[in-house]
Amino acid sequence: MKLIKTFACSSAIAIAFAAVAPIAAAATIGPAGASFSAPGTINVSTPIAPNVSCGITLSGVVSTDGTYAQINSVAITGGGLCGVPQIIGLPWKLVATSTTTGNVANVGFSVLGANCGPSTISGAWSNATNTLSASNQPLSGNCKVNSLSVSPNPAFTVSP
């Protein structure tokens, strides 16, 4: 009986460590603790406006342990419908899932009464070009981020 209890306890501990392992494998973002601004471009589609291209600047701070970057403000620039969106869901949270991929949680905006998001979008990261990019990412509300490309300043370094 003692052997069964020991085995059950050991199995439970092994399962617990296995469940934690994927979290520990996430990459880190540097420079930790740094404020950043990430200008670039975005193209979105909404039920009332397909393929709207605008400038975008994400601003925020990298957590002190580098486990995520918090996006506290989003500025949209450009003509036409670019002046219309209201950003929702801030702060957004960027987590590097590997040295080349990441997710941004809580992404959302409202355009002329159409709510898009908040949703989590997935993207690609390049240390070589200091670029976060995403394409064909659906948002709730029948919206989509067709493309996104931003380059943080100071430059991010994503490491294992």
Protein backbone atom coordinates (compact mmCIF):
# COMPACT_ATOMS: atom_id res chain seq x y z
CA MET A 1 0.00 0.00 0.00
CA LYS A 2 2.84 2.37 0.88
CA LEU A 3 4.39 1.68 -2.55
CA ILE A 4 1.11 2.65 -4.27
CA LYS A 5 0.89 5.91 -2.28
CA THR A 6 4.53 6.72 -3.09
CA PHE A 7 3.94 6.00 -6.78
CA ALA A 8 0.74 8.12 -6.81
CA CYS A 9 2.51 11.02 -5.08
CA SER A 10 5.52 10.78 -7.42
CA SER A 11 3.21 10.67 -10.43
CA ALA A 12 1.32 13.74 -9.23
CA ILE A 13 4.58 15.66 -8.79
CA ALA A 14 5.80 14.60 -12.25
CA ILE A 15 2.53 15.71 -13.83
CA ALA A 16 2.71 19.05 -11.99
CA PHE A 17 6.25 19.68 -13.28
CA ALA A 18 5.22 18.68 -16.80
CA ALA A 19 2.34 21.16 -16.67
CA VAL A 20 4.69 23.95 -15.57
CA ALA A 21 7.43 23.14 -18.10
CA PRO A 22 5.78 24.86 -21.11
CA ILE A 23 5.42 28.08 -19.11
CA ALA A 24 9.07 28.00 -18.09
CA ALA A 25 10.09 27.50 -21.73
CA ALA A 26 8.73 30.90 -22.81
CA ALA A 27 11.27 33.40 -24.09
CA THR A 28 12.17 36.70 -22.44
CA ILE A 29 12.11 40.21 -23.84
CA GLY A 30 14.90 42.68 -23.26
CA PRO A 31 15.77 45.25 -22.23
CA ALA A 32 13.84 44.35 -19.07
CA GLY A 33 12.19 47.30 -17.37
CA ALA A 34 12.63 49.60 -20.38
CA SER A 35 9.96 51.92 -21.74
CA PHE A 36 9.50 51.56 -25.49
CA SER A 37 7.78 53.02 -28.52
CA ALA A 38 7.10 50.80 -31.52
CA PRO A 39 6.08 52.64 -34.70
CA GLY A 40 4.97 50.87 -37.84
CA THR A 41 1.99 50.08 -40.05
CA ILE A 42 -1.29 48.21 -39.72
CA ASN A 43 -3.96 47.10 -42.18
CA VAL A 44 -7.32 45.98 -40.79
CA SER A 45 -10.70 44.88 -42.09
CA THR A 46 -14.01 45.51 -40.32
CA PRO A 47 -17.59 44.81 -41.38
CA ILE A 48 -17.92 48.43 -42.52
CA ALA A 49 -14.39 49.11 -43.82
CA PRO A 50 -12.28 46.45 -45.56
CA ASN A 51 -8.53 46.94 -45.98
CA VAL A 52 -7.84 50.15 -44.06
CA SER A 53 -4.09 50.94 -43.89
CA CYS A 54 -2.77 53.27 -41.19
CA GLY A 55 0.30 54.14 -39.22
CA ILE A 56 0.45 52.74 -35.69
CA THR A 57 2.63 53.37 -32.66
CA LEU A 58 2.52 51.04 -29.67
CA SER A 59 4.00 52.40 -26.44
CA GLY A 60 4.61 50.73 -23.12
CA VAL A 61 7.12 49.06 -20.84
CA VAL A 62 8.88 45.70 -20.68
CA SER A 63 8.29 43.95 -17.35
CA THR A 64 11.22 43.98 -14.94
CA ASP A 65 11.71 40.23 -15.39
CA GLY A 66 11.31 40.36 -19.20
CA THR A 67 8.42 37.88 -19.26
CA TYR A 68 6.16 40.28 -21.17
CA ALA A 69 5.84 43.78 -22.60
CA GLN A 70 2.83 45.80 -21.55
CA ILE A 71 1.38 48.06 -24.25
CA ASN A 72 -0.22 51.00 -22.47
CA SER A 73 -1.11 53.22 -25.41
CA VAL A 74 -1.80 52.88 -29.12
CA ALA A 75 -1.75 55.82 -31.53
CA ILE A 76 -3.25 55.44 -35.02
CA THR A 77 -2.20 57.92 -37.71
CA GLY A 78 -3.09 58.56 -41.32
CA GLY A 79 -5.93 59.94 -43.37
CA GLY A 80 -9.47 58.77 -44.00
CA LEU A 81 -10.76 56.21 -41.54
CA CYS A 82 -7.43 56.13 -39.64
CA GLY A 83 -8.70 58.96 -37.44
CA VAL A 84 -11.86 57.08 -36.45
CA PRO A 85 -10.82 54.01 -34.33
CA GLN A 86 -11.15 54.05 -30.57
CA ILE A 87 -8.66 51.65 -28.98
CA ILE A 88 -10.18 49.25 -26.43
CA GLY A 89 -8.81 46.61 -24.09
CA LEU A 90 -5.68 48.44 -22.94
CA PRO A 91 -3.29 47.47 -21.61
CA TRP A 92 -2.41 44.89 -24.22
CA LYS A 93 0.12 42.24 -23.22
CA LEU A 94 2.87 40.93 -25.52
CA VAL A 95 4.35 37.57 -24.53
CA ALA A 96 7.22 35.98 -26.46
CA THR A 97 6.23 32.33 -26.86
CA SER A 98 9.63 31.53 -28.43
CA THR A 99 12.55 33.51 -29.82
CA THR A 100 10.63 33.93 -33.09
CA THR A 101 6.94 34.02 -32.10
CA GLY A 102 4.64 35.85 -29.72
CA ASN A 103 1.07 36.68 -28.77
CA VAL A 104 -0.54 40.02 -28.05
CA ALA A 105 -3.56 39.65 -25.76
CA ASN A 106 -6.55 41.98 -25.44
CA VAL A 107 -6.19 43.62 -28.88
CA GLY A 108 -9.29 45.61 -29.71
CA PHE A 109 -10.73 48.73 -31.28
CA SER A 110 -14.06 50.23 -32.18
CA VAL A 111 -14.84 51.84 -35.55
CA LEU A 112 -18.11 53.68 -36.10
CA GLY A 113 -19.94 51.45 -33.62
CA ALA A 114 -18.38 48.18 -34.81
CA ASN A 115 -16.40 46.53 -32.00
CA CYS A 116 -13.38 44.50 -33.02
CA GLY A 117 -11.93 42.37 -30.22
CA PRO A 118 -10.62 42.24 -27.67
CA SER A 119 -8.85 39.16 -28.98
CA THR A 120 -5.41 37.57 -28.85
CA ILE A 121 -3.36 37.74 -32.02
CA SER A 122 -0.24 35.75 -32.88
CA GLY A 123 2.80 37.13 -34.61
CA ALA A 124 6.37 36.60 -35.65
CA TRP A 125 9.46 38.21 -34.15
CA SER A 126 12.85 38.83 -35.76
CA ASN A 127 15.82 39.80 -33.61
CA ALA A 128 17.81 40.47 -36.81
CA THR A 129 15.39 43.14 -38.08
CA ASN A 130 13.86 44.17 -34.71
CA THR A 131 10.39 43.60 -36.18
CA LEU A 132 7.17 42.25 -34.74
CA SER A 133 4.79 41.26 -37.54
CA ALA A 134 1.41 39.59 -37.84
CA SER A 135 -0.89 38.70 -40.70
CA ASN A 136 -4.40 37.34 -41.18
CA GLN A 137 -5.29 37.47 -37.48
CA PRO A 138 -9.03 37.32 -36.77
CA LEU A 139 -10.64 39.51 -34.11
CA SER A 140 -14.07 38.99 -32.63
CA GLY A 141 -16.74 41.14 -34.28
CA ASN A 142 -15.96 39.80 -37.75
CA CYS A 143 -12.78 41.88 -37.99
CA LYS A 144 -9.23 41.00 -38.97
CA VAL A 145 -5.71 42.35 -38.65
CA ASN A 146 -4.61 41.77 -42.25
CA SER A 147 -1.06 42.89 -41.52
CA LEU A 148 0.93 44.54 -38.75
CA SER A 149 4.60 45.47 -38.64
CA VAL A 150 6.25 47.45 -35.83
CA SER A 151 9.85 48.04 -34.73
CA PRO A 152 10.42 48.79 -31.03
CA ASN A 153 12.75 51.53 -29.83
CA PRO A 154 14.92 50.71 -27.97
CA ALA A 155 15.35 47.51 -29.95
CA PHE A 156 13.97 44.38 -28.31
CA THR A 157 16.07 41.26 -27.97
CA VAL A 158 14.11 38.06 -27.47
CA SER A 159 16.09 35.23 -25.92
CA PRO A 160 15.33 31.71 -24.67
